[in-house]
């Protein structure tokens, strides 16, 4: 298999995985999307709100790690770094990335999801 076919296959797998997560966790996904849109830590929603789609999709596999705000902060920063790079995050106000009300909102959404899905 050539490199182009491998890349196309990998991209298709990522898209399929994202769609599975979106379907499985639609309510949680929508909540995380809204929180990330409001937080807008690096200003991407000013141009294109769809830019936030990747973060919630890659955050969704990690809810069991997000029972407390410290873990939420770590997850948000890791996912932003993954999607936008460390250089871009270095120029962002650290308080904007570690906004406690945002962490609490994400943590609450995840905890509610976990509680509901466990029953």
C-alpha atoms as a PDB file:
ATOM      1  CA  UNK A   1       0.000   0.000   0.000  1.00  0.00           C
ATOM      2  CA  UNK A   2       1.435   3.375  -0.930  1.00  0.00           C
ATOM      3  CA  UNK A   3       1.795   6.357   1.421  1.00  0.00           C
ATOM      4  CA  UNK A   4      -1.152   8.273  -0.083  1.00  0.00           C
ATOM      5  CA  UNK A   5      -3.459   5.296   0.364  1.00  0.00           C
ATOM      6  CA  UNK A   6      -2.206   4.802   3.924  1.00  0.00           C
ATOM      7  CA  UNK A   7      -2.840   8.484   4.746  1.00  0.00           C
ATOM      8  CA  UNK A   8      -6.291   8.379   3.137  1.00  0.00           C
ATOM      9  CA  UNK A   9      -7.124   5.247   5.114  1.00  0.00           C
ATOM     10  CA  UNK A  10      -5.895   6.825   8.364  1.00  0.00           C
ATOM     11  CA  UNK A  11      -7.923   9.985   7.677  1.00  0.00           C
ATOM     12  CA  UNK A  12     -11.011   7.897   6.924  1.00  0.00           C
ATOM     13  CA  UNK A  13     -10.523   5.931  10.148  1.00  0.00           C
ATOM     14  CA  UNK A  14     -10.245   9.174  12.149  1.00  0.00           C
ATOM     15  CA  UNK A  15     -13.416  10.503  10.532  1.00  0.00           C
ATOM     16  CA  UNK A  16     -15.252   7.241  11.235  1.00  0.00           C
ATOM     17  CA  UNK A  17     -14.063   7.235  14.864  1.00  0.00           C
ATOM     18  CA  UNK A  18     -15.141  10.853  15.291  1.00  0.00           C
ATOM     19  CA  UNK A  19     -18.612  10.020  13.931  1.00  0.00           C
ATOM     20  CA  UNK A  20     -18.926   7.037  16.299  1.00  0.00           C
ATOM     21  CA  UNK A  21     -18.009   9.207  19.285  1.00  0.00           C
ATOM     22  CA  UNK A  22     -20.391  11.934  18.165  1.00  0.00           C
ATOM     23  CA  UNK A  23     -23.252   9.450  17.799  1.00  0.00           C
ATOM     24  CA  UNK A  24     -22.513   7.620  21.052  1.00  0.00           C
ATOM     25  CA  UNK A  25     -22.027  10.700  23.188  1.00  0.00           C
ATOM     26  CA  UNK A  26     -24.082  13.324  21.341  1.00  0.00           C
ATOM     27  CA  UNK A  27     -25.352  15.177  24.398  1.00  0.00           C
ATOM     28  CA  UNK A  28     -21.961  15.213  26.082  1.00  0.00           C
ATOM     29  CA  UNK A  29     -20.327  16.195  22.800  1.00  0.00           C
ATOM     30  CA  UNK A  30     -22.736  19.119  22.409  1.00  0.00           C
ATOM     31  CA  UNK A  31     -22.082  20.251  25.979  1.00  0.00           C
ATOM     32  CA  UNK A  32     -18.302  20.108  25.510  1.00  0.00           C
ATOM     33  CA  UNK A  33     -18.578  21.908  22.189  1.00  0.00           C
ATOM     34  CA  UNK A  34     -20.579  24.721  23.804  1.00  0.00           C
ATOM     35  CA  UNK A  35     -18.127  25.005  26.712  1.00  0.00           C
ATOM     36  CA  UNK A  36     -15.125  25.075  24.358  1.00  0.00           C
ATOM     37  CA  UNK A  37     -16.882  27.606  22.145  1.00  0.00           C
ATOM     38  CA  UNK A  38     -17.501  29.880  25.138  1.00  0.00           C
ATOM     39  CA  UNK A  39     -13.942  29.406  26.448  1.00  0.00           C
ATOM     40  CA  UNK A  40     -12.380  29.967  23.027  1.00  0.00           C
ATOM     41  CA  UNK A  41      -8.887  29.737  24.526  1.00  0.00           C
ATOM     42  CA  UNK A  42      -7.000  30.529  21.330  1.00  0.00           C
ATOM     43  CA  UNK A  43      -9.576  32.526  19.406  1.00  0.00           C
ATOM     44  CA  UNK A  44     -10.422  30.030  16.656  1.00  0.00           C
ATOM     45  CA  UNK A  45     -14.214  30.373  16.850  1.00  0.00           C
ATOM     46  CA  UNK A  46     -14.069  33.984  15.750  1.00  0.00           C
ATOM     47  CA  UNK A  47     -13.425  32.754  12.211  1.00  0.00           C
ATOM     48  CA  UNK A  48     -14.919  29.261  12.091  1.00  0.00           C
ATOM     49  CA  UNK A  49     -16.937  27.558  14.852  1.00  0.00           C
ATOM     50  CA  UNK A  50     -16.276  24.163  13.239  1.00  0.00           C
ATOM     51  CA  UNK A  51     -12.648  24.450  14.367  1.00  0.00           C
ATOM     52  CA  UNK A  52     -13.805  23.188  17.771  1.00  0.00           C
ATOM     53  CA  UNK A  53     -15.110  19.906  16.426  1.00  0.00           C
ATOM     54  CA  UNK A  54     -11.827  18.011  16.969  1.00  0.00           C
ATOM     55  CA  UNK A  55     -11.323  18.858  20.642  1.00  0.00           C
ATOM     56  CA  UNK A  56     -14.584  17.451  22.008  1.00  0.00           C
ATOM     57  CA  UNK A  57     -14.262  14.402  19.744  1.00  0.00           C
ATOM     58  CA  UNK A  58     -10.835  13.560  21.161  1.00  0.00           C
ATOM     59  CA  UNK A  59     -11.826  14.505  24.713  1.00  0.00           C
ATOM     60  CA  UNK A  60     -14.782  12.102  24.704  1.00  0.00           C
ATOM     61  CA  UNK A  61     -12.737   8.904  25.088  1.00  0.00           C
ATOM     62  CA  UNK A  62     -11.284  10.303  28.326  1.00  0.00           C
ATOM     63  CA  UNK A  63     -14.256  11.033  30.637  1.00  0.00           C
ATOM     64  CA  UNK A  64     -13.227   8.609  33.368  1.00  0.00           C
ATOM     65  CA  UNK A  65     -10.048  10.669  33.780  1.00  0.00           C
ATOM     66  CA  UNK A  66     -12.101  13.838  34.312  1.00  0.00           C
ATOM     67  CA  UNK A  67     -13.704  13.305  37.674  1.00  0.00           C
ATOM     68  CA  UNK A  68     -11.883  16.310  39.187  1.00  0.00           C
ATOM     69  CA  UNK A  69     -11.040  19.753  37.819  1.00  0.00           C
ATOM     70  CA  UNK A  70      -7.246  19.183  37.842  1.00  0.00           C
ATOM     71  CA  UNK A  71      -7.623  16.325  35.368  1.00  0.00           C
ATOM     72  CA  UNK A  72      -9.972  18.395  33.227  1.00  0.00           C
ATOM     73  CA  UNK A  73      -7.366  21.158  33.020  1.00  0.00           C
ATOM     74  CA  UNK A  74      -4.738  18.626  31.969  1.00  0.00           C
ATOM     75  CA  UNK A  75      -7.041  17.077  29.322  1.00  0.00           C
ATOM     76  CA  UNK A  76      -8.048  20.455  27.859  1.00  0.00           C
ATOM     77  CA  UNK A  77      -4.439  21.613  27.579  1.00  0.00           C
ATOM     78  CA  UNK A  78      -3.294  18.275  26.095  1.00  0.00           C
ATOM     79  CA  UNK A  79      -6.043  18.305  23.481  1.00  0.00           C
ATOM     80  CA  UNK A  80      -5.483  21.951  22.547  1.00  0.00           C
ATOM     81  CA  UNK A  81      -1.759  21.250  22.234  1.00  0.00           C
ATOM     82  CA  UNK A  82      -2.534  18.207  20.094  1.00  0.00           C
ATOM     83  CA  UNK A  83      -4.746  20.150  17.697  1.00  0.00           C
ATOM     84  CA  UNK A  84      -3.048  23.552  17.643  1.00  0.00           C
ATOM     85  CA  UNK A  85       0.537  22.917  18.731  1.00  0.00           C
ATOM     86  CA  UNK A  86       2.558  24.017  21.734  1.00  0.00           C
ATOM     87  CA  UNK A  87       3.844  27.144  20.013  1.00  0.00           C
ATOM     88  CA  UNK A  88       0.370  28.524  19.526  1.00  0.00           C
ATOM     89  CA  UNK A  89      -0.596  27.728  23.122  1.00  0.00           C
ATOM     90  CA  UNK A  90       2.556  29.425  24.429  1.00  0.00           C
ATOM     91  CA  UNK A  91       1.189  32.774  23.259  1.00  0.00           C
ATOM     92  CA  UNK A  92      -2.143  32.306  25.061  1.00  0.00           C
ATOM     93  CA  UNK A  93      -2.831  33.780  28.490  1.00  0.00           C
ATOM     94  CA  UNK A  94      -2.401  30.812  30.890  1.00  0.00           C
ATOM     95  CA  UNK A  95      -5.399  31.988  32.933  1.00  0.00           C
ATOM     96  CA  UNK A  96      -7.547  31.589  29.853  1.00  0.00           C
ATOM     97  CA  UNK A  97      -6.470  27.941  29.526  1.00  0.00           C
ATOM     98  CA  UNK A  98      -6.958  27.127  33.194  1.00  0.00           C
ATOM     99  CA  UNK A  99     -10.263  28.927  33.700  1.00  0.00           C
ATOM    100  CA  UNK A 100     -11.766  27.257  36.805  1.00  0.00           C
ATOM    101  CA  UNK A 101     -15.451  27.802  35.885  1.00  0.00           C
ATOM    102  CA  UNK A 102     -14.762  26.135  32.534  1.00  0.00           C
ATOM    103  CA  UNK A 103     -13.004  23.209  34.197  1.00  0.00           C
ATOM    104  CA  UNK A 104     -15.902  22.837  36.617  1.00  0.00           C
ATOM    105  CA  UNK A 105     -18.437  22.984  33.767  1.00  0.00           C
ATOM    106  CA  UNK A 106     -16.599  20.278  31.825  1.00  0.00           C
ATOM    107  CA  UNK A 107     -16.100  18.173  34.944  1.00  0.00           C
ATOM    108  CA  UNK A 108     -19.796  18.513  35.840  1.00  0.00           C
ATOM    109  CA  UNK A 109     -20.890  17.529  32.324  1.00  0.00           C
ATOM    110  CA  UNK A 110     -18.645  14.466  32.364  1.00  0.00           C
ATOM    111  CA  UNK A 111     -19.643  13.428  35.878  1.00  0.00           C
ATOM    112  CA  UNK A 112     -23.322  13.776  34.976  1.00  0.00           C
ATOM    113  CA  UNK A 113     -22.746  11.695  31.832  1.00  0.00           C
ATOM    114  CA  UNK A 114     -20.912   8.993  33.811  1.00  0.00           C
ATOM    115  CA  UNK A 115     -23.606   8.934  36.504  1.00  0.00           C
ATOM    116  CA  UNK A 116     -26.414   8.662  33.936  1.00  0.00           C
ATOM    117  CA  UNK A 117     -24.626   6.038  31.843  1.00  0.00           C
ATOM    118  CA  UNK A 118     -23.884   3.937  34.937  1.00  0.00           C
ATOM    119  CA  UNK A 119     -27.547   3.673  35.883  1.00  0.00           C
END
